Amino acid sequence: MLKLLMKFLPPQAKAAIELAQRLTASLDTPAEREAAINYCVEALADGKITAVEWTKLGKVLQVYGKK
């Protein structure tokens, strides 16, 4: 179903969805994925992201810390 919908989206929307899928693919549980998505939405709400928000996002995405 998603592939069908992706065909009708503009290129920027497709790229954003693919990025989100790749970022959350390494997370183990639906709860971890939901927390990462929610944090991204919150961090980008003002249209910019600070160094502190990048650091927290890295932790949420398990780039470092918990392995």
PDB file of N, CA and C in Angstrom:
ATOM      1  N   MET A   1       0.822  -1.196   0.000  1.00  0.00           N
ATOM      2  CA  MET A   1       0.000   0.000   0.000  1.00  0.00           C
ATOM      3  C   MET A   1       0.867   1.261   0.000  1.00  0.00           C
ATOM      4  N   LEU A   2       1.939   1.221   0.805  1.00  0.00           N
ATOM      5  CA  LEU A   2       2.812   2.389   0.887  1.00  0.00           C
ATOM      6  C   LEU A   2       3.485   2.676  -0.454  1.00  0.00           C
ATOM      7  N   LYS A   3       3.891   1.627  -1.157  1.00  0.00           N
ATOM      8  CA  LYS A   3       4.524   1.832  -2.468  1.00  0.00           C
ATOM      9  C   LYS A   3       3.587   2.537  -3.443  1.00  0.00           C
ATOM     10  N   LEU A   4       2.321   2.170  -3.395  1.00  0.00           N
ATOM     11  CA  LEU A   4       1.342   2.811  -4.260  1.00  0.00           C
ATOM     12  C   LEU A   4       1.197   4.293  -3.915  1.00  0.00           C
ATOM     13  N   LEU A   5       1.093   4.599  -2.641  1.00  0.00           N
ATOM     14  CA  LEU A   5       0.966   5.996  -2.213  1.00  0.00           C
ATOM     15  C   LEU A   5       2.215   6.804  -2.544  1.00  0.00           C
ATOM     16  N   MET A   6       3.377   6.184  -2.423  1.00  0.00           N
ATOM     17  CA  MET A   6       4.642   6.877  -2.684  1.00  0.00           C
ATOM     18  C   MET A   6       4.721   7.362  -4.137  1.00  0.00           C
ATOM     19  N   LYS A   7       4.091   6.648  -5.035  1.00  0.00           N
ATOM     20  CA  LYS A   7       4.124   7.033  -6.449  1.00  0.00           C
ATOM     21  C   LYS A   7       3.458   8.383  -6.694  1.00  0.00           C
ATOM     22  N   PHE A   8       2.503   8.731  -5.861  1.00  0.00           N
ATOM     23  CA  PHE A   8       1.742   9.962  -6.056  1.00  0.00           C
ATOM     24  C   PHE A   8       2.274  11.151  -5.250  1.00  0.00           C
ATOM     25  N   LEU A   9       3.279  10.924  -4.434  1.00  0.00           N
ATOM     26  CA  LEU A   9       3.825  11.997  -3.613  1.00  0.00           C
ATOM     27  C   LEU A   9       4.883  12.799  -4.368  1.00  0.00           C
ATOM     28  N   PRO A  10       5.040  14.074  -4.035  1.00  0.00           N
ATOM     29  CA  PRO A  10       6.120  14.858  -4.633  1.00  0.00           C
ATOM     30  C   PRO A  10       7.476  14.329  -4.143  1.00  0.00           C
ATOM     31  N   PRO A  11       8.529  14.572  -4.907  1.00  0.00           N
ATOM     32  CA  PRO A  11       9.852  14.034  -4.563  1.00  0.00           C
ATOM     33  C   PRO A  11      10.331  14.379  -3.145  1.00  0.00           C
ATOM     34  N   GLN A  12      10.048  15.589  -2.683  1.00  0.00           N
ATOM     35  CA  GLN A  12      10.498  15.964  -1.336  1.00  0.00           C
ATOM     36  C   GLN A  12       9.785  15.149  -0.263  1.00  0.00           C
ATOM     37  N   ALA A  13       8.516  14.892  -0.435  1.00  0.00           N
ATOM     38  CA  ALA A  13       7.769  14.090   0.532  1.00  0.00           C
ATOM     39  C   ALA A  13       8.269  12.646   0.526  1.00  0.00           C
ATOM     40  N   LYS A  14       8.549  12.119  -0.666  1.00  0.00           N
ATOM     41  CA  LYS A  14       9.092  10.766  -0.763  1.00  0.00           C
ATOM     42  C   LYS A  14      10.420  10.668  -0.045  1.00  0.00           C
ATOM     43  N   ALA A  15      11.284  11.655  -0.253  1.00  0.00           N
ATOM     44  CA  ALA A  15      12.594  11.655   0.385  1.00  0.00           C
ATOM     45  C   ALA A  15      12.469  11.723   1.900  1.00  0.00           C
ATOM     46  N   ALA A  16      11.546  12.514   2.401  1.00  0.00           N
ATOM     47  CA  ALA A  16      11.350  12.630   3.846  1.00  0.00           C
ATOM     48  C   ALA A  16      10.870  11.309   4.439  1.00  0.00           C
ATOM     49  N   ILE A  17       9.958  10.639   3.750  1.00  0.00           N
ATOM     50  CA  ILE A  17       9.456   9.348   4.236  1.00  0.00           C
ATOM     51  C   ILE A  17      10.555   8.301   4.210  1.00  0.00           C
ATOM     52  N   GLU A  18      11.334   8.265   3.142  1.00  0.00           N
ATOM     53  CA  GLU A  18      12.424   7.293   3.058  1.00  0.00           C
ATOM     54  C   GLU A  18      13.476   7.544   4.128  1.00  0.00           C
ATOM     55  N   LEU A  19      13.778   8.802   4.400  1.00  0.00           N
ATOM     56  CA  LEU A  19      14.729   9.140   5.460  1.00  0.00           C
ATOM     57  C   LEU A  19      14.200   8.669   6.806  1.00  0.00           C
ATOM     58  N   ALA A  20      12.948   8.930   7.090  1.00  0.00           N
ATOM     59  CA  ALA A  20      12.351   8.504   8.360  1.00  0.00           C
ATOM     60  C   ALA A  20      12.384   6.983   8.498  1.00  0.00           C
ATOM     61  N   GLN A  21      12.100   6.278   7.426  1.00  0.00           N
ATOM     62  CA  GLN A  21      12.130   4.821   7.468  1.00  0.00           C
ATOM     63  C   GLN A  21      13.532   4.311   7.758  1.00  0.00           C
ATOM     64  N   ARG A  22      14.526   4.906   7.133  1.00  0.00           N
ATOM     65  CA  ARG A  22      15.904   4.460   7.349  1.00  0.00           C
ATOM     66  C   ARG A  22      16.397   4.806   8.748  1.00  0.00           C
ATOM     67  N   LEU A  23      16.002   5.963   9.244  1.00  0.00           N
ATOM     68  CA  LEU A  23      16.421   6.357  10.596  1.00  0.00           C
ATOM     69  C   LEU A  23      15.839   5.440  11.660  1.00  0.00           C
ATOM     70  N   THR A  24      14.601   5.036  11.471  1.00  0.00           N
ATOM     71  CA  THR A  24      13.946   4.229  12.499  1.00  0.00           C
ATOM     72  C   THR A  24      14.102   2.725  12.279  1.00  0.00           C
ATOM     73  N   ALA A  25      14.665   2.307  11.164  1.00  0.00           N
ATOM     74  CA  ALA A  25      14.783   0.876  10.858  1.00  0.00           C
ATOM     75  C   ALA A  25      15.644   0.132  11.869  1.00  0.00           C
ATOM     76  N   SER A  26      16.633   0.791  12.455  1.00  0.00           N
ATOM     77  CA  SER A  26      17.527   0.105  13.379  1.00  0.00           C
ATOM     78  C   SER A  26      16.962   0.003  14.792  1.00  0.00           C
ATOM     79  N   LEU A  27      15.845   0.648  15.052  1.00  0.00           N
ATOM     80  CA  LEU A  27      15.246   0.586  16.376  1.00  0.00           C
ATOM     81  C   LEU A  27      14.455  -0.710  16.518  1.00  0.00           C
ATOM     82  N   ASP A  28      14.520  -1.314  17.708  1.00  0.00           N
ATOM     83  CA  ASP A  28      13.996  -2.661  17.904  1.00  0.00           C
ATOM     84  C   ASP A  28      12.486  -2.755  18.092  1.00  0.00           C
ATOM     85  N   THR A  29      11.926  -1.835  18.829  1.00  0.00           N
ATOM     86  CA  THR A  29      10.518  -1.971  19.182  1.00  0.00           C
ATOM     87  C   THR A  29       9.684  -0.830  18.606  1.00  0.00           C
ATOM     88  N   PRO A  30       8.402  -1.055  18.455  1.00  0.00           N
ATOM     89  CA  PRO A  30       7.526   0.028  18.007  1.00  0.00           C
ATOM     90  C   PRO A  30       7.562   1.230  18.957  1.00  0.00           C
ATOM     91  N   ALA A  31       7.729   0.973  20.246  1.00  0.00           N
ATOM     92  CA  ALA A  31       7.791   2.066  21.223  1.00  0.00           C
ATOM     93  C   ALA A  31       9.026   2.940  20.985  1.00  0.00           C
ATOM     94  N   GLU A  32      10.162   2.304  20.671  1.00  0.00           N
ATOM     95  CA  GLU A  32      11.386   3.060  20.366  1.00  0.00           C
ATOM     96  C   GLU A  32      11.201   3.889  19.096  1.00  0.00           C
ATOM     97  N   ARG A  33      10.582   3.291  18.085  1.00  0.00           N
ATOM     98  CA  ARG A  33      10.351   4.016  16.832  1.00  0.00           C
ATOM     99  C   ARG A  33       9.403   5.195  17.045  1.00  0.00           C
ATOM    100  N   GLU A  34       8.357   4.981  17.820  1.00  0.00           N
ATOM    101  CA  GLU A  34       7.409   6.056  18.084  1.00  0.00           C
ATOM    102  C   GLU A  34       8.066   7.185  18.875  1.00  0.00           C
ATOM    103  N   ALA A  35       8.907   6.833  19.853  1.00  0.00           N
ATOM    104  CA  ALA A  35       9.610   7.856  20.635  1.00  0.00           C
ATOM    105  C   ALA A  35      10.531   8.675  19.743  1.00  0.00           C
ATOM    106  N   ALA A  36      11.231   8.024  18.816  1.00  0.00           N
ATOM    107  CA  ALA A  36      12.133   8.735  17.909  1.00  0.00           C
ATOM    108  C   ALA A  36      11.363   9.667  16.983  1.00  0.00           C
ATOM    109  N   ILE A  37      10.268   9.190  16.448  1.00  0.00           N
ATOM    110  CA  ILE A  37       9.450  10.017  15.551  1.00  0.00           C
ATOM    111  C   ILE A  37       8.881  11.212  16.297  1.00  0.00           C
ATOM    112  N   ASN A  38       8.350  10.963  17.483  1.00  0.00           N
ATOM    113  CA  ASN A  38       7.780  12.051  18.279  1.00  0.00           C
ATOM    114  C   ASN A  38       8.835  13.090  18.632  1.00  0.00           C
ATOM    115  N   TYR A  39      10.039  12.629  18.976  1.00  0.00           N
ATOM    116  CA  TYR A  39      11.085  13.591  19.314  1.00  0.00           C
ATOM    117  C   TYR A  39      11.486  14.416  18.086  1.00  0.00           C
ATOM    118  N   CYS A  40      11.594  13.781  16.938  1.00  0.00           N
ATOM    119  CA  CYS A  40      11.944  14.518  15.715  1.00  0.00           C
ATOM    120  C   CYS A  40      10.915  15.600  15.416  1.00  0.00           C
ATOM    121  N   VAL A  41       9.655  15.254  15.533  1.00  0.00           N
ATOM    122  CA  VAL A  41       8.588  16.228  15.282  1.00  0.00           C
ATOM    123  C   VAL A  41       8.700  17.383  16.268  1.00  0.00           C
ATOM    124  N   GLU A  42       8.920  17.058  17.538  1.00  0.00           N
ATOM    125  CA  GLU A  42       9.044  18.088  18.572  1.00  0.00           C
ATOM    126  C   GLU A  42      10.269  18.968  18.329  1.00  0.00           C
ATOM    127  N   ALA A  43      11.408  18.359  18.014  1.00  0.00           N
ATOM    128  CA  ALA A  43      12.653  19.105  17.831  1.00  0.00           C
ATOM    129  C   ALA A  43      12.589  20.023  16.613  1.00  0.00           C
ATOM    130  N   LEU A  44      11.882  19.609  15.580  1.00  0.00           N
ATOM    131  CA  LEU A  44      11.808  20.392  14.355  1.00  0.00           C
ATOM    132  C   LEU A  44      10.590  21.314  14.288  1.00  0.00           C
ATOM    133  N   ALA A  45       9.839  21.391  15.366  1.00  0.00           N
ATOM    134  CA  ALA A  45       8.607  22.194  15.376  1.00  0.00           C
ATOM    135  C   ALA A  45       8.858  23.659  15.065  1.00  0.00           C
ATOM    136  N   ASP A  46      10.002  24.188  15.493  1.00  0.00           N
ATOM    137  CA  ASP A  46      10.291  25.603  15.246  1.00  0.00           C
ATOM    138  C   ASP A  46      11.080  25.819  13.954  1.00  0.00           C
ATOM    139  N   GLY A  47      11.313  24.753  13.198  1.00  0.00           N
ATOM    140  CA  GLY A  47      11.999  24.874  11.916  1.00  0.00           C
ATOM    141  C   GLY A  47      13.512  24.830  11.998  1.00  0.00           C
ATOM    142  N   LYS A  48      14.044  24.637  13.173  1.00  0.00           N
ATOM    143  CA  LYS A  48      15.502  24.525  13.330  1.00  0.00           C
ATOM    144  C   LYS A  48      15.793  23.525  14.439  1.00  0.00           C
ATOM    145  N   ILE A  49      17.026  23.084  14.486  1.00  0.00           N
ATOM    146  CA  ILE A  49      17.410  22.120  15.509  1.00  0.00           C
ATOM    147  C   ILE A  49      18.741  22.564  16.108  1.00  0.00           C
ATOM    148  N   THR A  50      18.800  22.581  17.421  1.00  0.00           N
ATOM    149  CA  THR A  50      20.007  23.042  18.121  1.00  0.00           C
ATOM    150  C   THR A  50      20.977  21.884  18.319  1.00  0.00           C
ATOM    151  N   ALA A  51      22.184  22.211  18.757  1.00  0.00           N
ATOM    152  CA  ALA A  51      23.188  21.180  19.024  1.00  0.00           C
ATOM    153  C   ALA A  51      22.712  20.232  20.130  1.00  0.00           C
ATOM    154  N   VAL A  52      22.057  20.769  21.126  1.00  0.00           N
ATOM    155  CA  VAL A  52      21.536  19.938  22.212  1.00  0.00           C
ATOM    156  C   VAL A  52      20.456  18.989  21.683  1.00  0.00           C
ATOM    157  N   GLU A  53      19.597  19.497  20.815  1.00  0.00           N
ATOM    158  CA  GLU A  53      18.555  18.644  20.232  1.00  0.00           C
ATOM    159  C   GLU A  53      19.162  17.554  19.345  1.00  0.00           C
ATOM    160  N   TRP A  54      20.233  17.876  18.605  1.00  0.00           N
ATOM    161  CA  TRP A  54      20.922  16.865  17.792  1.00  0.00           C
ATOM    162  C   TRP A  54      21.478  15.766  18.684  1.00  0.00           C
ATOM    163  N   THR A  55      22.049  16.169  19.816  1.00  0.00           N
ATOM    164  CA  THR A  55      22.620  15.198  20.746  1.00  0.00           C
ATOM    165  C   THR A  55      21.533  14.277  21.284  1.00  0.00           C
ATOM    166  N   LYS A  56      20.431  14.853  21.710  1.00  0.00           N
ATOM    167  CA  LYS A  56      19.333  14.038  22.232  1.00  0.00           C
ATOM    168  C   LYS A  56      18.760  13.141  21.136  1.00  0.00           C
ATOM    169  N   LEU A  57      18.658  13.654  19.922  1.00  0.00           N
ATOM    170  CA  LEU A  57      18.167  12.845  18.810  1.00  0.00           C
ATOM    171  C   LEU A  57      19.086  11.646  18.567  1.00  0.00           C
ATOM    172  N   GLY A  58      20.392  11.858  18.654  1.00  0.00           N
ATOM    173  CA  GLY A  58      21.345  10.756  18.513  1.00  0.00           C
ATOM    174  C   GLY A  58      21.127   9.677  19.559  1.00  0.00           C
ATOM    175  N   LYS A  59      20.816  10.086  20.775  1.00  0.00           N
ATOM    176  CA  LYS A  59      20.533   9.109  21.831  1.00  0.00           C
ATOM    177  C   LYS A  59      19.230   8.370  21.557  1.00  0.00           C
ATOM    178  N   VAL A  60      18.191   9.099  21.125  1.00  0.00           N
ATOM    179  CA  VAL A  60      16.895   8.486  20.837  1.00  0.00           C
ATOM    180  C   VAL A  60      17.023   7.477  19.700  1.00  0.00           C
ATOM    181  N   LEU A  61      17.841   7.808  18.698  1.00  0.00           N
ATOM    182  CA  LEU A  61      18.050   6.917  17.549  1.00  0.00           C
ATOM    183  C   LEU A  61      19.082   5.828  17.839  1.00  0.00           C
ATOM    184  N   GLN A  62      19.632   5.838  19.045  1.00  0.00           N
ATOM    185  CA  GLN A  62      20.634   4.865  19.494  1.00  0.00           C
ATOM    186  C   GLN A  62      21.893   4.904  18.643  1.00  0.00           C
ATOM    187  N   VAL A  63      22.271   6.113  18.205  1.00  0.00           N
ATOM    188  CA  VAL A  63      23.500   6.279  17.461  1.00  0.00           C
ATOM    189  C   VAL A  63      24.682   6.033  18.395  1.00  0.00           C
ATOM    190  N   TYR A  64      24.516   6.425  19.635  1.00  0.00           N
ATOM    191  CA  TYR A  64      25.511   6.158  20.664  1.00  0.00           C
ATOM    192  C   TYR A  64      24.781   5.919  21.968  1.00  0.00           C
ATOM    193  N   GLY A  65      25.501   5.418  22.938  1.00  0.00           N
ATOM    194  CA  GLY A  65      24.870   5.097  24.221  1.00  0.00           C
ATOM    195  C   GLY A  65      24.485   3.638  24.243  1.00  0.00           C
ATOM    196  N   LYS A  66      23.211   3.348  24.365  1.00  0.00           N
ATOM    197  CA  LYS A  66      22.695   1.987  24.447  1.00  0.00           C
ATOM    198  C   LYS A  66      22.974   1.202  23.165  1.00  0.00           C
ATOM    199  N   LYS A  67      23.545   0.043  23.287  1.00  0.00           N
ATOM    200  CA  LYS A  67      23.792  -0.847  22.135  1.00  0.00           C
ATOM    201  C   LYS A  67      23.245  -2.229  22.413  1.00  0.00           C
TER     202      LYS A  67
END
